[in-house]
């Protein structure tokens, strides 16, 4: 019985946190997306300005999204972290290896 508790205790600690993160209101999700956008502008905005895009313009915003996407693809690969591979899903119930 003792080993079972040792394996379940991290799950019992993480489960409420996981459930509570899924209970965000639309306003909280919008605020999170806004914070992510502001962080992207802080990181990639200066580079796009140096490339000649006018700060705050649509091409400047497109540059920010493109640079962010390029970094994510370089970091995680074309399918994202834990993503889909043609022909099978990586991990989980549906065909984990």
PDB file of N, CA and C in Angstrom:
ATOM      1  N   UNK A   1       0.826  -1.190   0.000  1.00  0.00           N
ATOM      2  CA  UNK A   1       0.000   0.000   0.000  1.00  0.00           C
ATOM      3  C   UNK A   1       0.868   1.250   0.000  1.00  0.00           C
ATOM      4  N   UNK A   2       1.968   1.234   0.694  1.00  0.00           N
ATOM      5  CA  UNK A   2       2.848   2.400   0.796  1.00  0.00           C
ATOM      6  C   UNK A   2       3.396   2.822  -0.578  1.00  0.00           C
ATOM      7  N   UNK A   3       3.875   1.894  -1.427  1.00  0.00           N
ATOM      8  CA  UNK A   3       4.374   2.320  -2.739  1.00  0.00           C
ATOM      9  C   UNK A   3       3.282   2.966  -3.589  1.00  0.00           C
ATOM     10  N   UNK A   4       2.052   2.522  -3.455  1.00  0.00           N
ATOM     11  CA  UNK A   4       0.954   3.104  -4.221  1.00  0.00           C
ATOM     12  C   UNK A   4       0.750   4.558  -3.843  1.00  0.00           C
ATOM     13  N   UNK A   5       0.822   4.878  -2.587  1.00  0.00           N
ATOM     14  CA  UNK A   5       0.671   6.262  -2.128  1.00  0.00           C
ATOM     15  C   UNK A   5       1.816   7.115  -2.654  1.00  0.00           C
ATOM     16  N   UNK A   6       3.008   6.537  -2.678  1.00  0.00           N
ATOM     17  CA  UNK A   6       4.160   7.278  -3.172  1.00  0.00           C
ATOM     18  C   UNK A   6       3.977   7.662  -4.639  1.00  0.00           C
ATOM     19  N   UNK A   7       3.360   6.809  -5.430  1.00  0.00           N
ATOM     20  CA  UNK A   7       3.150   7.103  -6.842  1.00  0.00           C
ATOM     21  C   UNK A   7       1.936   7.994  -7.073  1.00  0.00           C
ATOM     22  N   UNK A   8       0.940   7.903  -6.222  1.00  0.00           N
ATOM     23  CA  UNK A   8      -0.271   8.688  -6.409  1.00  0.00           C
ATOM     24  C   UNK A   8      -0.182  10.095  -5.832  1.00  0.00           C
ATOM     25  N   UNK A   9       0.687  10.319  -4.849  1.00  0.00           N
ATOM     26  CA  UNK A   9       0.728  11.631  -4.213  1.00  0.00           C
ATOM     27  C   UNK A   9       1.077  12.755  -5.187  1.00  0.00           C
ATOM     28  N   UNK A  10       2.039  12.611  -6.102  1.00  0.00           N
ATOM     29  CA  UNK A  10       2.261  13.705  -7.057  1.00  0.00           C
ATOM     30  C   UNK A  10       1.044  13.956  -7.941  1.00  0.00           C
ATOM     31  N   UNK A  11       0.334  12.909  -8.293  1.00  0.00           N
ATOM     32  CA  UNK A  11      -0.871  13.052  -9.100  1.00  0.00           C
ATOM     33  C   UNK A  11      -1.947  13.804  -8.329  1.00  0.00           C
ATOM     34  N   UNK A  12      -2.095  13.483  -7.052  1.00  0.00           N
ATOM     35  CA  UNK A  12      -3.097  14.148  -6.233  1.00  0.00           C
ATOM     36  C   UNK A  12      -2.766  15.620  -6.021  1.00  0.00           C
ATOM     37  N   UNK A  13      -1.502  15.968  -6.054  1.00  0.00           N
ATOM     38  CA  UNK A  13      -1.107  17.369  -5.921  1.00  0.00           C
ATOM     39  C   UNK A  13      -1.316  18.102  -7.248  1.00  0.00           C
ATOM     40  N   UNK A  14      -0.977  17.466  -8.357  1.00  0.00           N
ATOM     41  CA  UNK A  14      -1.043  18.113  -9.669  1.00  0.00           C
ATOM     42  C   UNK A  14      -2.464  18.188 -10.224  1.00  0.00           C
ATOM     43  N   UNK A  15      -3.306  17.251  -9.880  1.00  0.00           N
ATOM     44  CA  UNK A  15      -4.651  17.203 -10.462  1.00  0.00           C
ATOM     45  C   UNK A  15      -5.479  18.446 -10.162  1.00  0.00           C
ATOM     46  N   UNK A  16      -5.558  18.917  -8.918  1.00  0.00           N
ATOM     47  CA  UNK A  16      -6.343  20.141  -8.685  1.00  0.00           C
ATOM     48  C   UNK A  16      -5.786  21.352  -9.443  1.00  0.00           C
ATOM     49  N   UNK A  17      -4.478  21.450  -9.538  1.00  0.00           N
ATOM     50  CA  UNK A  17      -3.887  22.571 -10.277  1.00  0.00           C
ATOM     51  C   UNK A  17      -4.255  22.477 -11.754  1.00  0.00           C
ATOM     52  N   UNK A  18      -4.238  21.281 -12.290  1.00  0.00           N
ATOM     53  CA  UNK A  18      -4.600  21.086 -13.691  1.00  0.00           C
ATOM     54  C   UNK A  18      -6.068  21.415 -13.927  1.00  0.00           C
ATOM     55  N   UNK A  19      -6.926  21.001 -13.024  1.00  0.00           N
ATOM     56  CA  UNK A  19      -8.359  21.276 -13.147  1.00  0.00           C
ATOM     57  C   UNK A  19      -8.619  22.775 -13.044  1.00  0.00           C
ATOM     58  N   UNK A  20      -7.949  23.454 -12.118  1.00  0.00           N
ATOM     59  CA  UNK A  20      -8.173  24.878 -11.942  1.00  0.00           C
ATOM     60  C   UNK A  20      -7.677  25.698 -13.121  1.00  0.00           C
ATOM     61  N   UNK A  21      -6.630  25.261 -13.805  1.00  0.00           N
ATOM     62  CA  UNK A  21      -6.165  26.002 -14.974  1.00  0.00           C
ATOM     63  C   UNK A  21      -7.155  25.869 -16.123  1.00  0.00           C
ATOM     64  N   UNK A  22      -7.908  24.811 -16.160  1.00  0.00           N
ATOM     65  CA  UNK A  22      -8.919  24.639 -17.190  1.00  0.00           C
ATOM     66  C   UNK A  22     -10.182  25.430 -16.917  1.00  0.00           C
ATOM     67  N   UNK A  23     -10.284  26.040 -15.746  1.00  0.00           N
ATOM     68  CA  UNK A  23     -11.474  26.778 -15.357  1.00  0.00           C
ATOM     69  C   UNK A  23     -11.305  28.284 -15.517  1.00  0.00           C
ATOM     70  N   UNK A  24     -10.484  28.706 -16.428  1.00  0.00           N
ATOM     71  CA  UNK A  24     -10.272  30.135 -16.643  1.00  0.00           C
ATOM     72  C   UNK A  24     -11.482  30.721 -17.364  1.00  0.00           C
ATOM     73  N   UNK A  25     -11.840  31.920 -16.982  1.00  0.00           N
ATOM     74  CA  UNK A  25     -12.949  32.614 -17.634  1.00  0.00           C
ATOM     75  C   UNK A  25     -12.482  33.142 -18.980  1.00  0.00           C
ATOM     76  N   UNK A  26     -13.399  33.484 -19.863  1.00  0.00           N
ATOM     77  CA  UNK A  26     -12.984  34.070 -21.140  1.00  0.00           C
ATOM     78  C   UNK A  26     -12.153  35.344 -20.957  1.00  0.00           C
ATOM     79  N   UNK A  27     -12.461  36.121 -19.929  1.00  0.00           N
ATOM     80  CA  UNK A  27     -11.686  37.334 -19.670  1.00  0.00           C
ATOM     81  C   UNK A  27     -10.252  36.991 -19.249  1.00  0.00           C
ATOM     82  N   UNK A  28     -10.103  35.947 -18.443  1.00  0.00           N
ATOM     83  CA  UNK A  28      -8.762  35.532 -18.029  1.00  0.00           C
ATOM     84  C   UNK A  28      -7.970  34.993 -19.211  1.00  0.00           C
ATOM     85  N   UNK A  29      -8.626  34.219 -20.088  1.00  0.00           N
ATOM     86  CA  UNK A  29      -7.939  33.716 -21.279  1.00  0.00           C
ATOM     87  C   UNK A  29      -7.544  34.858 -22.203  1.00  0.00           C
ATOM     88  N   UNK A  30      -8.419  35.863 -22.340  1.00  0.00           N
ATOM     89  CA  UNK A  30      -8.099  37.026 -23.177  1.00  0.00           C
ATOM     90  C   UNK A  30      -6.924  37.801 -22.585  1.00  0.00           C
ATOM     91  N   UNK A  31      -6.900  37.935 -21.260  1.00  0.00           N
ATOM     92  CA  UNK A  31      -5.792  38.625 -20.610  1.00  0.00           C
ATOM     93  C   UNK A  31      -4.484  37.857 -20.813  1.00  0.00           C
ATOM     94  N   UNK A  32      -4.548  36.531 -20.771  1.00  0.00           N
ATOM     95  CA  UNK A  32      -3.359  35.709 -21.000  1.00  0.00           C
ATOM     96  C   UNK A  32      -2.865  35.883 -22.435  1.00  0.00           C
ATOM     97  N   UNK A  33      -3.774  35.875 -23.390  1.00  0.00           N
ATOM     98  CA  UNK A  33      -3.387  36.069 -24.793  1.00  0.00           C
ATOM     99  C   UNK A  33      -2.792  37.464 -24.995  1.00  0.00           C
ATOM    100  N   UNK A  34      -3.350  38.462 -24.335  1.00  0.00           N
ATOM    101  CA  UNK A  34      -2.825  39.817 -24.441  1.00  0.00           C
ATOM    102  C   UNK A  34      -1.404  39.885 -23.875  1.00  0.00           C
ATOM    103  N   UNK A  35      -1.183  39.214 -22.742  1.00  0.00           N
ATOM    104  CA  UNK A  35       0.152  39.186 -22.145  1.00  0.00           C
ATOM    105  C   UNK A  35       1.150  38.486 -23.064  1.00  0.00           C
ATOM    106  N   UNK A  36       0.718  37.403 -23.718  1.00  0.00           N
ATOM    107  CA  UNK A  36       1.588  36.705 -24.663  1.00  0.00           C
ATOM    108  C   UNK A  36       1.928  37.600 -25.850  1.00  0.00           C
ATOM    109  N   UNK A  37       0.937  38.339 -26.356  1.00  0.00           N
ATOM    110  CA  UNK A  37       1.176  39.241 -27.477  1.00  0.00           C
ATOM    111  C   UNK A  37       2.142  40.350 -27.090  1.00  0.00           C
ATOM    112  N   UNK A  38       1.990  40.894 -25.886  1.00  0.00           N
ATOM    113  CA  UNK A  38       2.898  41.946 -25.427  1.00  0.00           C
ATOM    114  C   UNK A  38       4.315  41.426 -25.261  1.00  0.00           C
ATOM    115  N   UNK A  39       4.439  40.188 -24.794  1.00  0.00           N
ATOM    116  CA  UNK A  39       5.769  39.591 -24.653  1.00  0.00           C
ATOM    117  C   UNK A  39       6.402  39.396 -26.030  1.00  0.00           C
ATOM    118  N   UNK A  40       5.623  38.925 -27.005  1.00  0.00           N
ATOM    119  CA  UNK A  40       6.143  38.759 -28.361  1.00  0.00           C
ATOM    120  C   UNK A  40       6.591  40.100 -28.926  1.00  0.00           C
ATOM    121  N   UNK A  41       5.807  41.171 -28.693  1.00  0.00           N
ATOM    122  CA  UNK A  41       6.182  42.487 -29.196  1.00  0.00           C
ATOM    123  C   UNK A  41       7.474  42.968 -28.534  1.00  0.00           C
ATOM    124  N   UNK A  42       7.640  42.674 -27.254  1.00  0.00           N
ATOM    125  CA  UNK A  42       8.860  43.097 -26.556  1.00  0.00           C
ATOM    126  C   UNK A  42      10.083  42.345 -27.071  1.00  0.00           C
ATOM    127  N   UNK A  43       9.903  41.065 -27.402  1.00  0.00           N
ATOM    128  CA  UNK A  43      11.030  40.249 -27.844  1.00  0.00           C
ATOM    129  C   UNK A  43      11.369  40.503 -29.313  1.00  0.00           C
ATOM    130  N   UNK A  44      10.360  40.479 -30.185  1.00  0.00           N
ATOM    131  CA  UNK A  44      10.602  40.539 -31.626  1.00  0.00           C
ATOM    132  C   UNK A  44      10.383  41.915 -32.237  1.00  0.00           C
ATOM    133  N   UNK A  45       9.718  42.814 -31.525  1.00  0.00           N
ATOM    134  CA  UNK A  45       9.431  44.143 -32.057  1.00  0.00           C
ATOM    135  C   UNK A  45      10.660  44.933 -32.464  1.00  0.00           C
ATOM    136  N   UNK A  46      11.698  44.994 -31.614  1.00  0.00           N
ATOM    137  CA  UNK A  46      12.893  45.747 -32.013  1.00  0.00           C
ATOM    138  C   UNK A  46      13.549  45.205 -33.292  1.00  0.00           C
ATOM    139  N   UNK A  47      13.575  43.897 -33.443  1.00  0.00           N
ATOM    140  CA  UNK A  47      14.166  43.317 -34.652  1.00  0.00           C
ATOM    141  C   UNK A  47      13.363  43.710 -35.889  1.00  0.00           C
ATOM    142  N   UNK A  48      12.044  43.693 -35.773  1.00  0.00           N
ATOM    143  CA  UNK A  48      11.200  44.071 -36.905  1.00  0.00           C
ATOM    144  C   UNK A  48      11.343  45.555 -37.223  1.00  0.00           C
ATOM    145  N   UNK A  49      11.531  46.379 -36.199  1.00  0.00           N
ATOM    146  CA  UNK A  49      11.761  47.810 -36.427  1.00  0.00           C
ATOM    147  C   UNK A  49      13.087  48.025 -37.142  1.00  0.00           C
ATOM    148  N   UNK A  50      14.104  47.264 -36.748  1.00  0.00           N
ATOM    149  CA  UNK A  50      15.406  47.373 -37.417  1.00  0.00           C
ATOM    150  C   UNK A  50      15.341  46.879 -38.859  1.00  0.00           C
ATOM    151  N   UNK A  51      14.416  45.984 -39.138  1.00  0.00           N
ATOM    152  CA  UNK A  51      14.241  45.517 -40.517  1.00  0.00           C
ATOM    153  C   UNK A  51      13.512  46.535 -41.382  1.00  0.00           C
ATOM    154  N   UNK A  52      13.045  47.618 -40.787  1.00  0.00           N
ATOM    155  CA  UNK A  52      12.445  48.691 -41.557  1.00  0.00           C
ATOM    156  C   UNK A  52      10.936  48.791 -41.478  1.00  0.00           C
ATOM    157  N   UNK A  53      10.302  47.978 -40.676  1.00  0.00           N
ATOM    158  CA  UNK A  53       8.855  48.050 -40.528  1.00  0.00           C
ATOM    159  C   UNK A  53       8.493  49.158 -39.546  1.00  0.00           C
ATOM    160  N   UNK A  54       7.480  49.915 -39.862  1.00  0.00           N
ATOM    161  CA  UNK A  54       7.018  50.984 -38.971  1.00  0.00           C
ATOM    162  C   UNK A  54       6.352  50.358 -37.747  1.00  0.00           C
ATOM    163  N   UNK A  55       6.779  50.776 -36.570  1.00  0.00           N
ATOM    164  CA  UNK A  55       6.254  50.227 -35.318  1.00  0.00           C
ATOM    165  C   UNK A  55       4.744  50.432 -35.243  1.00  0.00           C
ATOM    166  N   UNK A  56       4.037  49.350 -34.942  1.00  0.00           N
ATOM    167  CA  UNK A  56       2.586  49.396 -34.802  1.00  0.00           C
ATOM    168  C   UNK A  56       1.821  49.139 -36.075  1.00  0.00           C
ATOM    169  N   UNK A  57       2.513  49.011 -37.213  1.00  0.00           N
ATOM    170  CA  UNK A  57       1.812  48.769 -38.479  1.00  0.00           C
ATOM    171  C   UNK A  57       1.498  47.284 -38.627  1.00  0.00           C
ATOM    172  N   UNK A  58       0.600  46.982 -39.552  1.00  0.00           N
ATOM    173  CA  UNK A  58       0.254  45.579 -39.800  1.00  0.00           C
ATOM    174  C   UNK A  58       1.460  44.765 -40.278  1.00  0.00           C
ATOM    175  N   UNK A  59       2.285  45.280 -41.209  1.00  0.00           N
ATOM    176  CA  UNK A  59       3.475  44.505 -41.590  1.00  0.00           C
ATOM    177  C   UNK A  59       4.423  44.256 -40.408  1.00  0.00           C
ATOM    178  N   UNK A  60       4.522  45.216 -39.488  1.00  0.00           N
ATOM    179  CA  UNK A  60       5.341  45.038 -38.287  1.00  0.00           C
ATOM    180  C   UNK A  60       4.791  43.903 -37.436  1.00  0.00           C
ATOM    181  N   UNK A  61       3.479  43.867 -37.265  1.00  0.00           N
ATOM    182  CA  UNK A  61       2.846  42.779 -36.491  1.00  0.00           C
ATOM    183  C   UNK A  61       3.044  41.434 -37.189  1.00  0.00           C
ATOM    184  N   UNK A  62       2.913  41.421 -38.520  1.00  0.00           N
ATOM    185  CA  UNK A  62       3.146  40.179 -39.266  1.00  0.00           C
ATOM    186  C   UNK A  62       4.588  39.711 -39.098  1.00  0.00           C
ATOM    187  N   UNK A  63       5.526  40.651 -39.095  1.00  0.00           N
ATOM    188  CA  UNK A  63       6.929  40.313 -38.878  1.00  0.00           C
ATOM    189  C   UNK A  63       7.114  39.663 -37.510  1.00  0.00           C
ATOM    190  N   UNK A  64       6.470  40.215 -36.487  1.00  0.00           N
ATOM    191  CA  UNK A  64       6.573  39.662 -35.131  1.00  0.00           C
ATOM    192  C   UNK A  64       6.042  38.230 -35.095  1.00  0.00           C
ATOM    193  N   UNK A  65       4.889  38.010 -35.697  1.00  0.00           N
ATOM    194  CA  UNK A  65       4.307  36.663 -35.706  1.00  0.00           C
ATOM    195  C   UNK A  65       5.203  35.702 -36.481  1.00  0.00           C
ATOM    196  N   UNK A  66       5.743  36.154 -37.612  1.00  0.00           N
ATOM    197  CA  UNK A  66       6.620  35.287 -38.414  1.00  0.00           C
ATOM    198  C   UNK A  66       7.892  34.927 -37.663  1.00  0.00           C
ATOM    199  N   UNK A  67       8.519  35.895 -37.003  1.00  0.00           N
ATOM    200  CA  UNK A  67       9.738  35.597 -36.244  1.00  0.00           C
ATOM    201  C   UNK A  67       9.444  34.676 -35.067  1.00  0.00           C
ATOM    202  N   UNK A  68       8.325  34.884 -34.409  1.00  0.00           N
ATOM    203  CA  UNK A  68       7.944  34.028 -33.290  1.00  0.00           C
ATOM    204  C   UNK A  68       7.693  32.593 -33.773  1.00  0.00           C
ATOM    205  N   UNK A  69       6.989  32.472 -34.873  1.00  0.00           N
ATOM    206  CA  UNK A  69       6.705  31.144 -35.435  1.00  0.00           C
ATOM    207  C   UNK A  69       7.999  30.453 -35.850  1.00  0.00           C
ATOM    208  N   UNK A  70       8.900  31.205 -36.466  1.00  0.00           N
ATOM    209  CA  UNK A  70      10.185  30.634 -36.882  1.00  0.00           C
ATOM    210  C   UNK A  70      10.945  30.099 -35.680  1.00  0.00           C
ATOM    211  N   UNK A  71      10.978  30.863 -34.586  1.00  0.00           N
ATOM    212  CA  UNK A  71      11.656  30.397 -33.378  1.00  0.00           C
ATOM    213  C   UNK A  71      11.005  29.144 -32.806  1.00  0.00           C
ATOM    214  N   UNK A  72       9.681  29.096 -32.802  1.00  0.00           N
ATOM    215  CA  UNK A  72       8.986  27.917 -32.274  1.00  0.00           C
ATOM    216  C   UNK A  72       9.265  26.684 -33.124  1.00  0.00           C
ATOM    217  N   UNK A  73       9.292  26.843 -34.438  1.00  0.00           N
ATOM    218  CA  UNK A  73       9.579  25.702 -35.318  1.00  0.00           C
ATOM    219  C   UNK A  73      11.007  25.224 -35.098  1.00  0.00           C
ATOM    220  N   UNK A  74      11.947  26.148 -34.935  1.00  0.00           N
ATOM    221  CA  UNK A  74      13.326  25.751 -34.667  1.00  0.00           C
ATOM    222  C   UNK A  74      13.449  25.060 -33.314  1.00  0.00           C
ATOM    223  N   UNK A  75      12.685  25.525 -32.342  1.00  0.00           N
ATOM    224  CA  UNK A  75      12.773  24.971 -30.995  1.00  0.00           C
ATOM    225  C   UNK A  75      12.065  23.623 -30.884  1.00  0.00           C
ATOM    226  N   UNK A  76      10.860  23.518 -31.437  1.00  0.00           N
ATOM    227  CA  UNK A  76      10.037  22.327 -31.211  1.00  0.00           C
ATOM    228  C   UNK A  76       9.861  21.443 -32.431  1.00  0.00           C
ATOM    229  N   UNK A  77      10.256  21.884 -33.588  1.00  0.00           N
ATOM    230  CA  UNK A  77      10.028  21.124 -34.804  1.00  0.00           C
ATOM    231  C   UNK A  77       8.714  21.541 -35.442  1.00  0.00           C
ATOM    232  N   UNK A  78       8.444  21.034 -36.622  1.00  0.00           N
ATOM    233  CA  UNK A  78       7.272  21.504 -37.362  1.00  0.00           C
ATOM    234  C   UNK A  78       5.934  21.118 -36.747  1.00  0.00           C
ATOM    235  N   UNK A  79       5.908  20.156 -35.829  1.00  0.00           N
ATOM    236  CA  UNK A  79       4.635  19.719 -35.266  1.00  0.00           C
ATOM    237  C   UNK A  79       4.422  20.198 -33.840  1.00  0.00           C
ATOM    238  N   UNK A  80       5.294  21.046 -33.329  1.00  0.00           N
ATOM    239  CA  UNK A  80       5.118  21.586 -31.985  1.00  0.00           C
ATOM    240  C   UNK A  80       5.538  20.606 -30.910  1.00  0.00           C
ATOM    241  N   UNK A  81       5.488  21.049 -29.655  1.00  0.00           N
ATOM    242  CA  UNK A  81       5.891  20.169 -28.564  1.00  0.00           C
ATOM    243  C   UNK A  81       4.874  19.044 -28.366  1.00  0.00           C
ATOM    244  N   UNK A  82       5.340  17.808 -28.448  1.00  0.00           N
ATOM    245  CA  UNK A  82       4.448  16.659 -28.266  1.00  0.00           C
ATOM    246  C   UNK A  82       3.421  16.532 -29.353  1.00  0.00           C
ATOM    247  N   UNK A  83       3.766  16.928 -30.551  1.00  0.00           N
ATOM    248  CA  UNK A  83       2.782  17.063 -31.618  1.00  0.00           C
ATOM    249  C   UNK A  83       2.448  15.805 -32.373  1.00  0.00           C
ATOM    250  N   UNK A  84       1.814  16.007 -33.480  1.00  0.00           N
ATOM    251  CA  UNK A  84       1.304  14.956 -34.344  1.00  0.00           C
ATOM    252  C   UNK A  84       2.345  14.584 -35.373  1.00  0.00           C
ATOM    253  N   UNK A  85       2.493  13.326 -35.609  1.00  0.00           N
ATOM    254  CA  UNK A  85       3.339  12.844 -36.687  1.00  0.00           C
ATOM    255  C   UNK A  85       2.455  12.100 -37.662  1.00  0.00           C
ATOM    256  N   UNK A  86       2.637  12.322 -38.947  1.00  0.00           N
ATOM    257  CA  UNK A  86       1.738  11.691 -39.926  1.00  0.00           C
ATOM    258  C   UNK A  86       1.625  10.189 -39.692  1.00  0.00           C
ATOM    259  N   UNK A  87       0.415   9.737 -39.596  1.00  0.00           N
ATOM    260  CA  UNK A  87       0.176   8.317 -39.433  1.00  0.00           C
ATOM    261  C   UNK A  87      -0.054   7.873 -38.001  1.00  0.00           C
ATOM    262  N   UNK A  88       0.393   8.657 -37.039  1.00  0.00           N
ATOM    263  CA  UNK A  88       0.143   8.263 -35.645  1.00  0.00           C
ATOM    264  C   UNK A  88       0.368   9.437 -34.713  1.00  0.00           C
ATOM    265  N   UNK A  89      -0.371   9.413 -33.640  1.00  0.00           N
ATOM    266  CA  UNK A  89      -0.246  10.432 -32.604  1.00  0.00           C
ATOM    267  C   UNK A  89       0.864   9.994 -31.661  1.00  0.00           C
ATOM    268  N   UNK A  90       1.718  10.904 -31.267  1.00  0.00           N
ATOM    269  CA  UNK A  90       2.836  10.557 -30.392  1.00  0.00           C
ATOM    270  C   UNK A  90       2.373  10.531 -28.941  1.00  0.00           C
ATOM    271  N   UNK A  91       2.339   9.357 -28.378  1.00  0.00           N
ATOM    272  CA  UNK A  91       2.021   9.208 -26.963  1.00  0.00           C
ATOM    273  C   UNK A  91       0.538   9.119 -26.698  1.00  0.00           C
ATOM    274  N   UNK A  92       0.209   8.922 -25.424  1.00  0.00           N
ATOM    275  CA  UNK A  92      -1.180   8.886 -25.015  1.00  0.00           C
ATOM    276  C   UNK A  92      -1.872   7.583 -25.357  1.00  0.00           C
ATOM    277  N   UNK A  93      -3.166   7.633 -25.236  1.00  0.00           N
ATOM    278  CA  UNK A  93      -3.991   6.441 -25.422  1.00  0.00           C
ATOM    279  C   UNK A  93      -3.994   5.965 -26.875  1.00  0.00           C
ATOM    280  N   UNK A  94      -3.898   6.879 -27.828  1.00  0.00           N
ATOM    281  CA  UNK A  94      -4.068   6.528 -29.234  1.00  0.00           C
ATOM    282  C   UNK A  94      -2.758   6.159 -29.910  1.00  0.00           C
ATOM    283  N   UNK A  95      -2.107   5.134 -29.444  1.00  0.00           N
ATOM    284  CA  UNK A  95      -0.952   4.612 -30.152  1.00  0.00           C
ATOM    285  C   UNK A  95       0.380   5.084 -29.631  1.00  0.00           C
ATOM    286  N   UNK A  96       0.511   5.144 -28.316  1.00  0.00           N
ATOM    287  CA  UNK A  96       1.810   5.522 -27.755  1.00  0.00           C
ATOM    288  C   UNK A  96       2.840   4.445 -28.074  1.00  0.00           C
ATOM    289  N   UNK A  97       4.098   4.803 -28.050  1.00  0.00           N
ATOM    290  CA  UNK A  97       5.123   3.829 -28.374  1.00  0.00           C
ATOM    291  C   UNK A  97       5.741   3.284 -27.189  1.00  0.00           C
TER     292      UNK A  97
END
